[in-house]
Amino acid sequence: MEPSLPSPFLVVSGINKGSNCGYHIVYSGTVAGAREAFFNDIPSISISYDWVEGKSNPHDFALAAGVCIPIISALLVEIKNQSYPGRCFLNIDVPNNVANH
């Protein structure tokens, strides 16, 4: 029998290449990862970067992550303080112009 592992405090799914808004959330693997955590009562967040072929570059992923760090940090504080609403997951779509800000 394998030892039981504790549940994670937060599941972060992503950052993936491509937007996950509108009907894309129905078939997105990134959103599905966060949704599965939600179904198991684990707070979760999915993060996507709106990659534009010929315009975006790999460094943009680091910029997109940087934009999300304050959100994730605030979420962890809410989880620790037990003020994060149960049965909830977030989906963040970072716009492709994040590199311009």
PDB file of N, CA and C in Angstrom:
ATOM      1  N   MET A   1       0.842  -1.177   0.000  1.00  0.00           N
ATOM      2  CA  MET A   1       0.000   0.000   0.000  1.00  0.00           C
ATOM      3  C   MET A   1       0.887   1.240   0.000  1.00  0.00           C
ATOM      4  N   GLU A   2       0.602   2.148  -0.910  1.00  0.00           N
ATOM      5  CA  GLU A   2       1.375   3.383  -1.010  1.00  0.00           C
ATOM      6  C   GLU A   2       0.924   4.372   0.053  1.00  0.00           C
ATOM      7  N   PRO A   3       1.874   5.164   0.567  1.00  0.00           N
ATOM      8  CA  PRO A   3       1.476   6.168   1.562  1.00  0.00           C
ATOM      9  C   PRO A   3       0.600   7.241   0.928  1.00  0.00           C
ATOM     10  N   SER A   4      -0.295   7.764   1.712  1.00  0.00           N
ATOM     11  CA  SER A   4      -1.191   8.816   1.241  1.00  0.00           C
ATOM     12  C   SER A   4      -0.461  10.154   1.242  1.00  0.00           C
ATOM     13  N   LEU A   5      -0.553  10.864   0.149  1.00  0.00           N
ATOM     14  CA  LEU A   5       0.079  12.176   0.046  1.00  0.00           C
ATOM     15  C   LEU A   5      -0.935  13.257   0.391  1.00  0.00           C
ATOM     16  N   PRO A   6      -0.464  14.352   0.986  1.00  0.00           N
ATOM     17  CA  PRO A   6      -1.404  15.441   1.282  1.00  0.00           C
ATOM     18  C   PRO A   6      -1.889  16.098  -0.009  1.00  0.00           C
ATOM     19  N   SER A   7      -3.062  16.674   0.050  1.00  0.00           N
ATOM     20  CA  SER A   7      -3.590  17.403  -1.109  1.00  0.00           C
ATOM     21  C   SER A   7      -2.797  18.688  -1.304  1.00  0.00           C
ATOM     22  N   PRO A   8      -2.633  19.110  -2.537  1.00  0.00           N
ATOM     23  CA  PRO A   8      -1.939  20.386  -2.775  1.00  0.00           C
ATOM     24  C   PRO A   8      -2.798  21.560  -2.297  1.00  0.00           C
ATOM     25  N   PHE A   9      -2.136  22.672  -1.992  1.00  0.00           N
ATOM     26  CA  PHE A   9      -2.853  23.896  -1.620  1.00  0.00           C
ATOM     27  C   PHE A   9      -3.493  24.534  -2.843  1.00  0.00           C
ATOM     28  N   LEU A  10      -2.811  24.395  -3.994  1.00  0.00           N
ATOM     29  CA  LEU A  10      -3.246  25.054  -5.219  1.00  0.00           C
ATOM     30  C   LEU A  10      -2.698  24.298  -6.420  1.00  0.00           C
ATOM     31  N   VAL A  11      -3.501  24.133  -7.439  1.00  0.00           N
ATOM     32  CA  VAL A  11      -3.056  23.569  -8.713  1.00  0.00           C
ATOM     33  C   VAL A  11      -2.973  24.713  -9.717  1.00  0.00           C
ATOM     34  N   VAL A  12      -1.802  24.846 -10.356  1.00  0.00           N
ATOM     35  CA  VAL A  12      -1.610  25.830 -11.422  1.00  0.00           C
ATOM     36  C   VAL A  12      -1.417  25.049 -12.712  1.00  0.00           C
ATOM     37  N   SER A  13      -2.304  25.232 -13.654  1.00  0.00           N
ATOM     38  CA  SER A  13      -2.243  24.542 -14.940  1.00  0.00           C
ATOM     39  C   SER A  13      -1.864  25.556 -16.018  1.00  0.00           C
ATOM     40  N   GLY A  14      -0.753  25.351 -16.668  1.00  0.00           N
ATOM     41  CA  GLY A  14      -0.286  26.278 -17.701  1.00  0.00           C
ATOM     42  C   GLY A  14       1.085  26.804 -17.346  1.00  0.00           C
ATOM     43  N   ILE A  15       1.601  27.650 -18.065  1.00  0.00           N
ATOM     44  CA  ILE A  15       1.062  28.527 -19.083  1.00  0.00           C
ATOM     45  C   ILE A  15       1.083  27.785 -20.418  1.00  0.00           C
ATOM     46  N   ASN A  16      -0.030  27.848 -21.121  1.00  0.00           N
ATOM     47  CA  ASN A  16      -0.057  27.213 -22.430  1.00  0.00           C
ATOM     48  C   ASN A  16       0.011  28.257 -23.537  1.00  0.00           C
ATOM     49  N   LYS A  17       0.295  27.779 -24.707  1.00  0.00           N
ATOM     50  CA  LYS A  17       0.442  28.623 -25.905  1.00  0.00           C
ATOM     51  C   LYS A  17      -0.900  28.708 -26.615  1.00  0.00           C
ATOM     52  N   GLY A  18      -1.549  29.840 -26.502  1.00  0.00           N
ATOM     53  CA  GLY A  18      -2.844  30.038 -27.143  1.00  0.00           C
ATOM     54  C   GLY A  18      -3.905  30.457 -26.148  1.00  0.00           C
ATOM     55  N   SER A  19      -4.841  31.210 -26.612  1.00  0.00           N
ATOM     56  CA  SER A  19      -5.916  31.743 -25.779  1.00  0.00           C
ATOM     57  C   SER A  19      -6.885  30.647 -25.354  1.00  0.00           C
ATOM     58  N   ASN A  20      -7.415  30.782 -24.156  1.00  0.00           N
ATOM     59  CA  ASN A  20      -8.450  29.873 -23.665  1.00  0.00           C
ATOM     60  C   ASN A  20      -9.641  30.672 -23.175  1.00  0.00           C
ATOM     61  N   CYS A  21     -10.257  31.390 -24.096  1.00  0.00           N
ATOM     62  CA  CYS A  21     -11.473  32.120 -23.750  1.00  0.00           C
ATOM     63  C   CYS A  21     -12.558  31.730 -24.747  1.00  0.00           C
ATOM     64  N   GLY A  22     -13.782  32.071 -24.402  1.00  0.00           N
ATOM     65  CA  GLY A  22     -14.891  31.696 -25.271  1.00  0.00           C
ATOM     66  C   GLY A  22     -15.048  30.189 -25.337  1.00  0.00           C
ATOM     67  N   TYR A  23     -15.375  29.685 -26.500  1.00  0.00           N
ATOM     68  CA  TYR A  23     -15.619  28.245 -26.651  1.00  0.00           C
ATOM     69  C   TYR A  23     -14.361  27.401 -26.486  1.00  0.00           C
ATOM     70  N   HIS A  24     -13.182  28.009 -26.512  1.00  0.00           N
ATOM     71  CA  HIS A  24     -11.934  27.257 -26.348  1.00  0.00           C
ATOM     72  C   HIS A  24     -11.834  26.587 -24.974  1.00  0.00           C
ATOM     73  N   ILE A  25     -12.499  27.142 -23.974  1.00  0.00           N
ATOM     74  CA  ILE A  25     -12.391  26.539 -22.642  1.00  0.00           C
ATOM     75  C   ILE A  25     -13.043  25.159 -22.585  1.00  0.00           C
ATOM     76  N   VAL A  26     -13.907  24.853 -23.524  1.00  0.00           N
ATOM     77  CA  VAL A  26     -14.588  23.561 -23.528  1.00  0.00           C
ATOM     78  C   VAL A  26     -13.609  22.420 -23.797  1.00  0.00           C
ATOM     79  N   TYR A  27     -12.631  22.630 -24.673  1.00  0.00           N
ATOM     80  CA  TYR A  27     -11.716  21.551 -25.044  1.00  0.00           C
ATOM     81  C   TYR A  27     -10.270  21.799 -24.638  1.00  0.00           C
ATOM     82  N   SER A  28     -10.000  22.831 -23.887  1.00  0.00           N
ATOM     83  CA  SER A  28      -8.640  23.153 -23.471  1.00  0.00           C
ATOM     84  C   SER A  28      -8.126  22.173 -22.417  1.00  0.00           C
ATOM     85  N   GLY A  29      -6.966  21.593 -22.669  1.00  0.00           N
ATOM     86  CA  GLY A  29      -6.328  20.730 -21.679  1.00  0.00           C
ATOM     87  C   GLY A  29      -5.864  21.511 -20.465  1.00  0.00           C
ATOM     88  N   THR A  30      -5.450  22.753 -20.681  1.00  0.00           N
ATOM     89  CA  THR A  30      -5.002  23.597 -19.579  1.00  0.00           C
ATOM     90  C   THR A  30      -6.158  23.886 -18.627  1.00  0.00           C
ATOM     91  N   VAL A  31      -7.290  24.273 -19.177  1.00  0.00           N
ATOM     92  CA  VAL A  31      -8.471  24.528 -18.351  1.00  0.00           C
ATOM     93  C   VAL A  31      -8.958  23.221 -17.724  1.00  0.00           C
ATOM     94  N   ALA A  32      -8.861  22.118 -18.447  1.00  0.00           N
ATOM     95  CA  ALA A  32      -9.292  20.821 -17.910  1.00  0.00           C
ATOM     96  C   ALA A  32      -8.486  20.444 -16.674  1.00  0.00           C
ATOM     97  N   GLY A  33      -7.193  20.769 -16.664  1.00  0.00           N
ATOM     98  CA  GLY A  33      -6.373  20.490 -15.482  1.00  0.00           C
ATOM     99  C   GLY A  33      -6.893  21.224 -14.259  1.00  0.00           C
ATOM    100  N   ALA A  34      -7.215  22.497 -14.426  1.00  0.00           N
ATOM    101  CA  ALA A  34      -7.770  23.283 -13.317  1.00  0.00           C
ATOM    102  C   ALA A  34      -9.161  22.783 -12.938  1.00  0.00           C
ATOM    103  N   ARG A  35      -9.937  22.420 -13.929  1.00  0.00           N
ATOM    104  CA  ARG A  35     -11.299  21.935 -13.671  1.00  0.00           C
ATOM    105  C   ARG A  35     -11.269  20.616 -12.889  1.00  0.00           C
ATOM    106  N   GLU A  36     -10.344  19.716 -13.223  1.00  0.00           N
ATOM    107  CA  GLU A  36     -10.231  18.447 -12.498  1.00  0.00           C
ATOM    108  C   GLU A  36      -9.877  18.685 -11.035  1.00  0.00           C
ATOM    109  N   ALA A  37      -8.980  19.637 -10.786  1.00  0.00           N
ATOM    110  CA  ALA A  37      -8.658  19.983  -9.398  1.00  0.00           C
ATOM    111  C   ALA A  37      -9.910  20.498  -8.691  1.00  0.00           C
ATOM    112  N   PHE A  38     -10.655  21.358  -9.363  1.00  0.00           N
ATOM    113  CA  PHE A  38     -11.918  21.884  -8.835  1.00  0.00           C
ATOM    114  C   PHE A  38     -12.866  20.748  -8.453  1.00  0.00           C
ATOM    115  N   PHE A  39     -12.993  19.749  -9.324  1.00  0.00           N
ATOM    116  CA  PHE A  39     -13.874  18.617  -9.038  1.00  0.00           C
ATOM    117  C   PHE A  39     -13.410  17.828  -7.818  1.00  0.00           C
ATOM    118  N   ASN A  40     -12.125  17.967  -7.471  1.00  0.00           N
ATOM    119  CA  ASN A  40     -11.564  17.283  -6.309  1.00  0.00           C
ATOM    120  C   ASN A  40     -11.376  18.228  -5.127  1.00  0.00           C
ATOM    121  N   ASP A  41     -12.091  19.351  -5.142  1.00  0.00           N
ATOM    122  CA  ASP A  41     -12.078  20.338  -4.051  1.00  0.00           C
ATOM    123  C   ASP A  41     -10.697  20.923  -3.778  1.00  0.00           C
ATOM    124  N   ILE A  42      -9.915  21.105  -4.827  1.00  0.00           N
ATOM    125  CA  ILE A  42      -8.596  21.729  -4.713  1.00  0.00           C
ATOM    126  C   ILE A  42      -8.644  23.052  -5.470  1.00  0.00           C
ATOM    127  N   PRO A  43      -8.310  24.160  -4.819  1.00  0.00           N
ATOM    128  CA  PRO A  43      -8.275  25.441  -5.528  1.00  0.00           C
ATOM    129  C   PRO A  43      -7.335  25.352  -6.728  1.00  0.00           C
ATOM    130  N   SER A  44      -7.719  25.997  -7.820  1.00  0.00           N
ATOM    131  CA  SER A  44      -6.907  25.872  -9.028  1.00  0.00           C
ATOM    132  C   SER A  44      -7.028  27.100  -9.914  1.00  0.00           C
ATOM    133  N   ILE A  45      -6.057  27.193 -10.814  1.00  0.00           N
ATOM    134  CA  ILE A  45      -6.003  28.304 -11.756  1.00  0.00           C
ATOM    135  C   ILE A  45      -5.411  27.786 -13.064  1.00  0.00           C
ATOM    136  N   SER A  46      -5.989  28.175 -14.174  1.00  0.00           N
ATOM    137  CA  SER A  46      -5.402  27.865 -15.482  1.00  0.00           C
ATOM    138  C   SER A  46      -4.905  29.177 -16.082  1.00  0.00           C
ATOM    139  N   ILE A  47      -3.749  29.093 -16.736  1.00  0.00           N
ATOM    140  CA  ILE A  47      -3.128  30.290 -17.305  1.00  0.00           C
ATOM    141  C   ILE A  47      -2.771  30.014 -18.759  1.00  0.00           C
ATOM    142  N   SER A  48      -3.149  30.944 -19.620  1.00  0.00           N
ATOM    143  CA  SER A  48      -2.861  30.830 -21.046  1.00  0.00           C
ATOM    144  C   SER A  48      -2.282  32.144 -21.551  1.00  0.00           C
ATOM    145  N   TYR A  49      -1.402  32.033 -22.539  1.00  0.00           N
ATOM    146  CA  TYR A  49      -0.826  33.213 -23.176  1.00  0.00           C
ATOM    147  C   TYR A  49      -1.320  33.253 -24.619  1.00  0.00           C
ATOM    148  N   ASP A  50      -1.871  34.375 -25.016  1.00  0.00           N
ATOM    149  CA  ASP A  50      -2.446  34.527 -26.357  1.00  0.00           C
ATOM    150  C   ASP A  50      -1.337  34.674 -27.402  1.00  0.00           C
ATOM    151  N   TRP A  51      -0.694  33.568 -27.708  1.00  0.00           N
ATOM    152  CA  TRP A  51       0.422  33.514 -28.657  1.00  0.00           C
ATOM    153  C   TRP A  51      -0.060  33.896 -30.050  1.00  0.00           C
ATOM    154  N   VAL A  52       0.694  34.765 -30.714  1.00  0.00           N
ATOM    155  CA  VAL A  52       0.391  35.149 -32.092  1.00  0.00           C
ATOM    156  C   VAL A  52       1.584  34.748 -32.949  1.00  0.00           C
ATOM    157  N   GLU A  53       1.352  33.810 -33.854  1.00  0.00           N
ATOM    158  CA  GLU A  53       2.423  33.317 -34.734  1.00  0.00           C
ATOM    159  C   GLU A  53       3.037  34.482 -35.501  1.00  0.00           C
ATOM    160  N   GLY A  54       4.368  34.543 -35.495  1.00  0.00           N
ATOM    161  CA  GLY A  54       5.086  35.590 -36.208  1.00  0.00           C
ATOM    162  C   GLY A  54       5.254  36.877 -35.417  1.00  0.00           C
ATOM    163  N   LYS A  55       4.547  36.991 -34.300  1.00  0.00           N
ATOM    164  CA  LYS A  55       4.638  38.195 -33.476  1.00  0.00           C
ATOM    165  C   LYS A  55       5.187  37.882 -32.083  1.00  0.00           C
ATOM    166  N   SER A  56       4.727  36.791 -31.494  1.00  0.00           N
ATOM    167  CA  SER A  56       5.142  36.412 -30.145  1.00  0.00           C
ATOM    168  C   SER A  56       6.477  35.690 -30.183  1.00  0.00           C
ATOM    169  N   ASN A  57       7.170  35.679 -29.033  1.00  0.00           N
ATOM    170  CA  ASN A  57       8.420  34.922 -28.930  1.00  0.00           C
ATOM    171  C   ASN A  57       8.472  34.230 -27.573  1.00  0.00           C
ATOM    172  N   PRO A  58       9.355  33.231 -27.419  1.00  0.00           N
ATOM    173  CA  PRO A  58       9.396  32.456 -26.174  1.00  0.00           C
ATOM    174  C   PRO A  58       9.598  33.302 -24.911  1.00  0.00           C
ATOM    175  N   HIS A  59      10.306  34.419 -25.016  1.00  0.00           N
ATOM    176  CA  HIS A  59      10.514  35.287 -23.850  1.00  0.00           C
ATOM    177  C   HIS A  59       9.186  35.832 -23.316  1.00  0.00           C
ATOM    178  N   ASP A  60       8.186  35.933 -24.168  1.00  0.00           N
ATOM    179  CA  ASP A  60       6.878  36.433 -23.745  1.00  0.00           C
ATOM    180  C   ASP A  60       6.252  35.560 -22.654  1.00  0.00           C
ATOM    181  N   PHE A  61       6.604  34.263 -22.620  1.00  0.00           N
ATOM    182  CA  PHE A  61       6.076  33.388 -21.575  1.00  0.00           C
ATOM    183  C   PHE A  61       6.561  33.838 -20.200  1.00  0.00           C
ATOM    184  N   ALA A  62       7.821  34.259 -20.111  1.00  0.00           N
ATOM    185  CA  ALA A  62       8.346  34.768 -18.839  1.00  0.00           C
ATOM    186  C   ALA A  62       7.607  36.035 -18.428  1.00  0.00           C
ATOM    187  N   LEU A  63       7.322  36.896 -19.392  1.00  0.00           N
ATOM    188  CA  LEU A  63       6.564  38.115 -19.093  1.00  0.00           C
ATOM    189  C   LEU A  63       5.146  37.776 -18.638  1.00  0.00           C
ATOM    190  N   ALA A  64       4.534  36.810 -19.303  1.00  0.00           N
ATOM    191  CA  ALA A  64       3.180  36.391 -18.924  1.00  0.00           C
ATOM    192  C   ALA A  64       3.177  35.806 -17.511  1.00  0.00           C
ATOM    193  N   ALA A  65       4.193  35.013 -17.185  1.00  0.00           N
ATOM    194  CA  ALA A  65       4.294  34.458 -15.830  1.00  0.00           C
ATOM    195  C   ALA A  65       4.453  35.575 -14.809  1.00  0.00           C
ATOM    196  N   GLY A  66       5.263  36.567 -15.149  1.00  0.00           N
ATOM    197  CA  GLY A  66       5.461  37.694 -14.247  1.00  0.00           C
ATOM    198  C   GLY A  66       4.179  38.445 -13.949  1.00  0.00           C
ATOM    199  N   VAL A  67       3.320  38.559 -14.940  1.00  0.00           N
ATOM    200  CA  VAL A  67       2.022  39.216 -14.750  1.00  0.00           C
ATOM    201  C   VAL A  67       1.148  38.403 -13.789  1.00  0.00           C
ATOM    202  N   CYS A  68       1.282  37.088 -13.825  1.00  0.00           N
ATOM    203  CA  CYS A  68       0.416  36.220 -13.029  1.00  0.00           C
ATOM    204  C   CYS A  68       0.903  36.009 -11.595  1.00  0.00           C
ATOM    205  N   ILE A  69       2.177  36.239 -11.327  1.00  0.00           N
ATOM    206  CA  ILE A  69       2.720  35.978  -9.990  1.00  0.00           C
ATOM    207  C   ILE A  69       1.970  36.740  -8.896  1.00  0.00           C
ATOM    208  N   PRO A  70       1.681  38.038  -9.057  1.00  0.00           N
ATOM    209  CA  PRO A  70       0.919  38.718  -7.995  1.00  0.00           C
ATOM    210  C   PRO A  70      -0.478  38.123  -7.775  1.00  0.00           C
ATOM    211  N   ILE A  71      -1.099  37.663  -8.835  1.00  0.00           N
ATOM    212  CA  ILE A  71      -2.427  37.047  -8.707  1.00  0.00           C
ATOM    213  C   ILE A  71      -2.321  35.737  -7.937  1.00  0.00           C
ATOM    214  N   ILE A  72      -1.334  34.918  -8.291  1.00  0.00           N
ATOM    215  CA  ILE A  72      -1.135  33.640  -7.603  1.00  0.00           C
ATOM    216  C   ILE A  72      -0.776  33.882  -6.143  1.00  0.00           C
ATOM    217  N   SER A  73       0.073  34.864  -5.880  1.00  0.00           N
ATOM    218  CA  SER A  73       0.453  35.189  -4.496  1.00  0.00           C
ATOM    219  C   SER A  73      -0.766  35.598  -3.675  1.00  0.00           C
ATOM    220  N   ALA A  74      -1.613  36.447  -4.246  1.00  0.00           N
ATOM    221  CA  ALA A  74      -2.831  36.872  -3.543  1.00  0.00           C
ATOM    222  C   ALA A  74      -3.763  35.688  -3.308  1.00  0.00           C
ATOM    223  N   LEU A  75      -3.843  34.810  -4.283  1.00  0.00           N
ATOM    224  CA  LEU A  75      -4.678  33.621  -4.154  1.00  0.00           C
ATOM    225  C   LEU A  75      -4.177  32.731  -3.022  1.00  0.00           C
ATOM    226  N   LEU A  76      -2.859  32.551  -2.912  1.00  0.00           N
ATOM    227  CA  LEU A  76      -2.289  31.731  -1.838  1.00  0.00           C
ATOM    228  C   LEU A  76      -2.586  32.332  -0.463  1.00  0.00           C
ATOM    229  N   VAL A  77      -2.549  33.656  -0.362  1.00  0.00           N
ATOM    230  CA  VAL A  77      -2.895  34.319   0.905  1.00  0.00           C
ATOM    231  C   VAL A  77      -4.351  34.039   1.259  1.00  0.00           C
ATOM    232  N   GLU A  78      -5.241  34.156   0.276  1.00  0.00           N
ATOM    233  CA  GLU A  78      -6.659  33.884   0.529  1.00  0.00           C
ATOM    234  C   GLU A  78      -6.888  32.434   0.937  1.00  0.00           C
ATOM    235  N   ILE A  79      -6.166  31.518   0.307  1.00  0.00           N
ATOM    236  CA  ILE A  79      -6.293  30.102   0.669  1.00  0.00           C
ATOM    237  C   ILE A  79      -5.818  29.896   2.101  1.00  0.00           C
ATOM    238  N   LYS A  80      -4.678  30.481   2.441  1.00  0.00           N
ATOM    239  CA  LYS A  80      -4.128  30.351   3.801  1.00  0.00           C
ATOM    240  C   LYS A  80      -5.091  30.931   4.829  1.00  0.00           C
ATOM    241  N   ASN A  81      -5.702  32.068   4.516  1.00  0.00           N
ATOM    242  CA  ASN A  81      -6.642  32.721   5.436  1.00  0.00           C
ATOM    243  C   ASN A  81      -8.047  32.133   5.368  1.00  0.00           C
ATOM    244  N   GLN A  82      -8.219  31.135   4.546  1.00  0.00           N
ATOM    245  CA  GLN A  82      -9.502  30.457   4.346  1.00  0.00           C
ATOM    246  C   GLN A  82     -10.599  31.419   3.890  1.00  0.00           C
ATOM    247  N   SER A  83     -10.200  32.418   3.108  1.00  0.00           N
ATOM    248  CA  SER A  83     -11.186  33.356   2.566  1.00  0.00           C
ATOM    249  C   SER A  83     -11.427  33.136   1.071  1.00  0.00           C
ATOM    250  N   TYR A  84     -10.702  32.185   0.476  1.00  0.00           N
ATOM    251  CA  TYR A  84     -10.924  31.847  -0.927  1.00  0.00           C
ATOM    252  C   TYR A  84     -12.205  31.029  -1.020  1.00  0.00           C
ATOM    253  N   PRO A  85     -13.109  31.391  -1.927  1.00  0.00           N
ATOM    254  CA  PRO A  85     -14.375  30.647  -2.002  1.00  0.00           C
ATOM    255  C   PRO A  85     -14.149  29.196  -2.424  1.00  0.00           C
ATOM    256  N   GLY A  86     -14.818  28.305  -1.743  1.00  0.00           N
ATOM    257  CA  GLY A  86     -14.729  26.898  -2.108  1.00  0.00           C
ATOM    258  C   GLY A  86     -15.384  26.647  -3.451  1.00  0.00           C
ATOM    259  N   ARG A  87     -15.004  25.529  -4.052  1.00  0.00           N
ATOM    260  CA  ARG A  87     -15.591  25.125  -5.336  1.00  0.00           C
ATOM    261  C   ARG A  87     -15.480  26.229  -6.382  1.00  0.00           C
ATOM    262  N   CYS A  88     -14.248  26.665  -6.605  1.00  0.00           N
ATOM    263  CA  CYS A  88     -14.002  27.754  -7.548  1.00  0.00           C
ATOM    264  C   CYS A  88     -12.656  27.526  -8.225  1.00  0.00           C
ATOM    265  N   PHE A  89     -12.585  27.806  -9.520  1.00  0.00           N
ATOM    266  CA  PHE A  89     -11.276  27.854 -10.169  1.00  0.00           C
ATOM    267  C   PHE A  89     -11.235  29.053 -11.092  1.00  0.00           C
ATOM    268  N   LEU A  90     -10.025  29.555 -11.306  1.00  0.00           N
ATOM    269  CA  LEU A  90      -9.831  30.750 -12.118  1.00  0.00           C
ATOM    270  C   LEU A  90      -9.201  30.397 -13.453  1.00  0.00           C
ATOM    271  N   ASN A  91      -9.531  31.161 -14.462  1.00  0.00           N
ATOM    272  CA  ASN A  91      -8.913  31.032 -15.780  1.00  0.00           C
ATOM    273  C   ASN A  91      -8.365  32.401 -16.164  1.00  0.00           C
ATOM    274  N   ILE A  92      -7.054  32.485 -16.360  1.00  0.00           N
ATOM    275  CA  ILE A  92      -6.420  33.745 -16.750  1.00  0.00           C
ATOM    276  C   ILE A  92      -5.911  33.611 -18.174  1.00  0.00           C
ATOM    277  N   ASP A  93      -6.295  34.552 -19.016  1.00  0.00           N
ATOM    278  CA  ASP A  93      -5.775  34.645 -20.374  1.00  0.00           C
ATOM    279  C   ASP A  93      -4.942  35.914 -20.456  1.00  0.00           C
ATOM    280  N   VAL A  94      -3.634  35.736 -20.606  1.00  0.00           N
ATOM    281  CA  VAL A  94      -2.730  36.880 -20.705  1.00  0.00           C
ATOM    282  C   VAL A  94      -2.714  37.336 -22.160  1.00  0.00           C
ATOM    283  N   PRO A  95      -3.006  38.611 -22.415  1.00  0.00           N
ATOM    284  CA  PRO A  95      -3.047  39.093 -23.805  1.00  0.00           C
ATOM    285  C   PRO A  95      -1.666  39.107 -24.445  1.00  0.00           C
ATOM    286  N   ASN A  96      -1.637  39.042 -25.764  1.00  0.00           N
ATOM    287  CA  ASN A  96      -0.350  38.981 -26.469  1.00  0.00           C
ATOM    288  C   ASN A  96       0.430  40.278 -26.390  1.00  0.00           C
ATOM    289  N   ASN A  97      -0.180  41.360 -25.991  1.00  0.00           N
ATOM    290  CA  ASN A  97       0.555  42.620 -25.902  1.00  0.00           C
ATOM    291  C   ASN A  97       1.199  42.830 -24.536  1.00  0.00           C
ATOM    292  N   VAL A  98       1.266  41.779 -23.721  1.00  0.00           N
ATOM    293  CA  VAL A  98       1.886  41.890 -22.401  1.00  0.00           C
ATOM    294  C   VAL A  98       3.338  42.359 -22.514  1.00  0.00           C
ATOM    295  N   ALA A  99       3.994  42.031 -23.606  1.00  0.00           N
ATOM    296  CA  ALA A  99       5.392  42.432 -23.801  1.00  0.00           C
ATOM    297  C   ALA A  99       5.527  43.938 -23.996  1.00  0.00           C
ATOM    298  N   ASN A 100       4.446  44.611 -24.324  1.00  0.00           N
ATOM    299  CA  ASN A 100       4.489  46.055 -24.563  1.00  0.00           C
ATOM    300  C   ASN A 100       4.229  46.877 -23.313  1.00  0.00           C
ATOM    301  N   HIS A 101       4.006  46.220 -22.171  1.00  0.00           N
ATOM    302  CA  HIS A 101       3.665  46.954 -20.945  1.00  0.00           C
ATOM    303  C   HIS A 101       4.761  46.859 -19.924  1.00  0.00           C
TER     304      HIS A 101
END
